Protein backbone atom coordinates (compact mmCIF):
# COMPACT_ATOMS: atom_id res chain seq x y z
CA MET A 1 -26.96 -30.40 97.93
CA PHE A 2 -28.66 -32.92 95.09
CA ARG A 3 -25.12 -34.05 94.19
CA PRO A 4 -25.21 -36.81 97.26
CA ILE A 5 -28.48 -37.92 96.92
CA VAL A 6 -27.67 -38.14 93.07
CA GLY A 7 -24.81 -40.16 93.60
CA ALA A 8 -26.38 -42.74 96.32
CA ILE A 9 -29.42 -43.25 93.71
CA ALA A 10 -27.06 -43.93 91.20
CA LEU A 11 -24.99 -46.04 93.16
CA VAL A 12 -28.51 -48.18 94.27
CA LEU A 13 -29.52 -48.32 90.67
CA ALA A 14 -26.39 -49.95 89.53
CA LEU A 15 -25.98 -52.88 92.41
CA PRO A 16 -28.48 -55.06 90.96
CA VAL A 17 -26.81 -55.20 87.48
CA ALA A 18 -23.57 -55.86 88.79
CA THR A 19 -24.80 -58.96 91.13
CA ALA A 20 -26.50 -60.13 88.39
CA THR A 21 -23.53 -60.26 86.37
CA ALA A 22 -21.72 -61.13 88.90
CA GLN A 23 -23.72 -64.76 89.55
CA GLU A 24 -23.62 -65.72 85.57
CA ARG A 25 -20.22 -65.88 85.77
CA LEU A 26 -20.07 -67.50 88.94
CA GLN A 27 -20.12 -71.93 88.61
CA ASP A 28 -20.78 -74.49 91.91
CA PRO A 29 -17.83 -76.61 92.07
CA THR A 30 -20.30 -79.14 93.36
CA GLU A 31 -22.92 -78.72 90.96
CA ARG A 32 -23.35 -82.41 89.19
CA THR A 33 -21.53 -81.70 85.82
CA SER A 34 -23.19 -83.53 82.25
CA VAL A 35 -23.11 -86.88 82.41
CA ASN A 36 -19.78 -88.56 83.01
CA ALA A 37 -19.94 -91.82 81.18
CA ARG A 38 -22.68 -93.30 78.95
CA GLU A 39 -24.18 -97.07 78.67
CA GLY A 40 -21.67 -99.07 76.09
CA GLY A 41 -19.61 -95.66 75.45
CA GLY A 42 -22.49 -93.98 73.54
CA GLY A 43 -26.15 -93.88 74.40
CA ALA A 44 -28.69 -90.78 75.37
CA ASN A 45 -28.69 -92.79 79.06
CA PRO A 46 -25.85 -92.42 82.07
CA GLN A 47 -24.89 -95.64 83.08
CA TRP A 48 -22.59 -94.06 85.77
CA MET A 49 -22.61 -90.68 86.80
CA LEU A 50 -18.99 -90.15 89.51
CA GLU A 51 -20.05 -88.17 92.08
CA SER A 52 -17.31 -87.43 94.55
CA THR A 53 -14.47 -89.16 96.16
CA LEU A 54 -12.82 -89.35 99.25
CA VAL A 55 -9.20 -90.34 99.05
CA SER A 56 -7.19 -90.71 102.09
CA ALA A 57 -3.40 -92.58 103.79
CA ASP A 58 -5.93 -95.38 105.15
CA ARG A 59 -9.68 -94.74 102.79
CA ARG A 60 -10.62 -94.83 99.42
CA PHE A 61 -14.58 -94.12 98.51
CA ALA A 62 -15.82 -93.03 96.15
CA VAL A 63 -20.12 -91.95 95.29
CA ILE A 64 -21.74 -93.35 92.31
CA ASN A 65 -24.82 -92.66 91.32
CA GLY A 66 -25.55 -91.74 94.46
CA GLU A 67 -24.22 -95.03 96.20
CA THR A 68 -20.68 -95.07 98.03
CA VAL A 69 -18.38 -97.66 96.71
CA THR A 70 -14.79 -98.50 97.77
CA VAL A 71 -12.07 -101.34 95.76
CA GLY A 72 -14.15 -104.13 95.03
CA ASP A 73 -17.89 -103.29 95.04
CA ARG A 74 -20.35 -103.58 92.20
CA VAL A 75 -21.98 -100.39 91.00
CA ARG A 76 -24.70 -101.45 87.85
CA GLY A 77 -22.89 -104.20 86.94
CA ALA A 78 -19.56 -102.88 86.89
CA ARG A 79 -16.74 -103.78 89.25
CA VAL A 80 -14.77 -100.44 90.72
CA MET A 81 -11.06 -101.64 90.09
CA GLN A 82 -8.99 -97.60 90.88
CA ILE A 83 -9.94 -94.60 92.89
CA ASP A 84 -8.25 -91.82 92.71
CA VAL A 85 -9.03 -88.31 93.93
CA TYR A 86 -10.24 -86.86 90.25
CA ALA A 87 -11.44 -90.53 88.92
CA VAL A 88 -12.64 -93.90 89.07
CA ARG A 89 -12.04 -96.73 86.98
CA LEU A 90 -14.72 -99.80 86.62
CA ARG A 91 -14.03 -103.10 84.49
CA THR A 92 -17.47 -103.81 82.49
CA ALA A 93 -17.57 -106.72 80.64
CA ASP A 94 -17.00 -104.64 77.58
CA GLY A 95 -13.29 -103.70 79.40
CA MET A 96 -12.22 -100.68 81.76
CA VAL A 97 -14.18 -97.35 82.14
CA GLU A 98 -12.64 -94.60 84.19
CA LEU A 99 -15.13 -91.81 85.25
CA THR A 100 -13.85 -88.24 86.61
CA LEU A 101 -14.78 -85.65 88.58
CA SER A 102 -14.50 -82.69 85.31
CA GLY A 103 -17.70 -84.34 83.59
CA THR A 104 -15.65 -85.44 80.90
CA ASP A 105 -17.03 -87.99 78.57
CA PRO A 106 -15.39 -91.60 80.13
CA LYS A 107 -11.93 -92.79 78.75
CA ARG A 108 -12.58 -96.57 77.30
CA VAL A 109 -9.26 -97.83 78.92
CA THR A 110 -7.26 -99.97 76.42
CA GLY A 111 -7.28 -104.05 77.61
CA GLY A 112 -8.60 -105.82 80.78
CA GLY A 113 -12.13 -107.51 80.41
CA ALA A 114 -14.79 -108.68 82.80
CA ARG A 115 -12.67 -111.52 84.74
């Protein structure tokens, strides 16, 4: 008689614990990650933040610092040179910088300064 009630109570008590641990492990893939490019290659303040890209056969757009840009546009003193699915290349006065969606540190690409 009491066995089904005890089992139901145990299930109800265990449910919030299981839900909390499952939520801790899940990460929102659209959540903004750490800064993926820093001013001058190592400052504390972000210069550019790649938020998303849209790449199709006839269009290429990126959202950097909340602004939608395409190849040739300027954002905070840098010119957008290339937009790929997971990365954008910018030409700065110091050379080329690659922003990535993964939130990793920027890659300073060798060659080619501002033109």
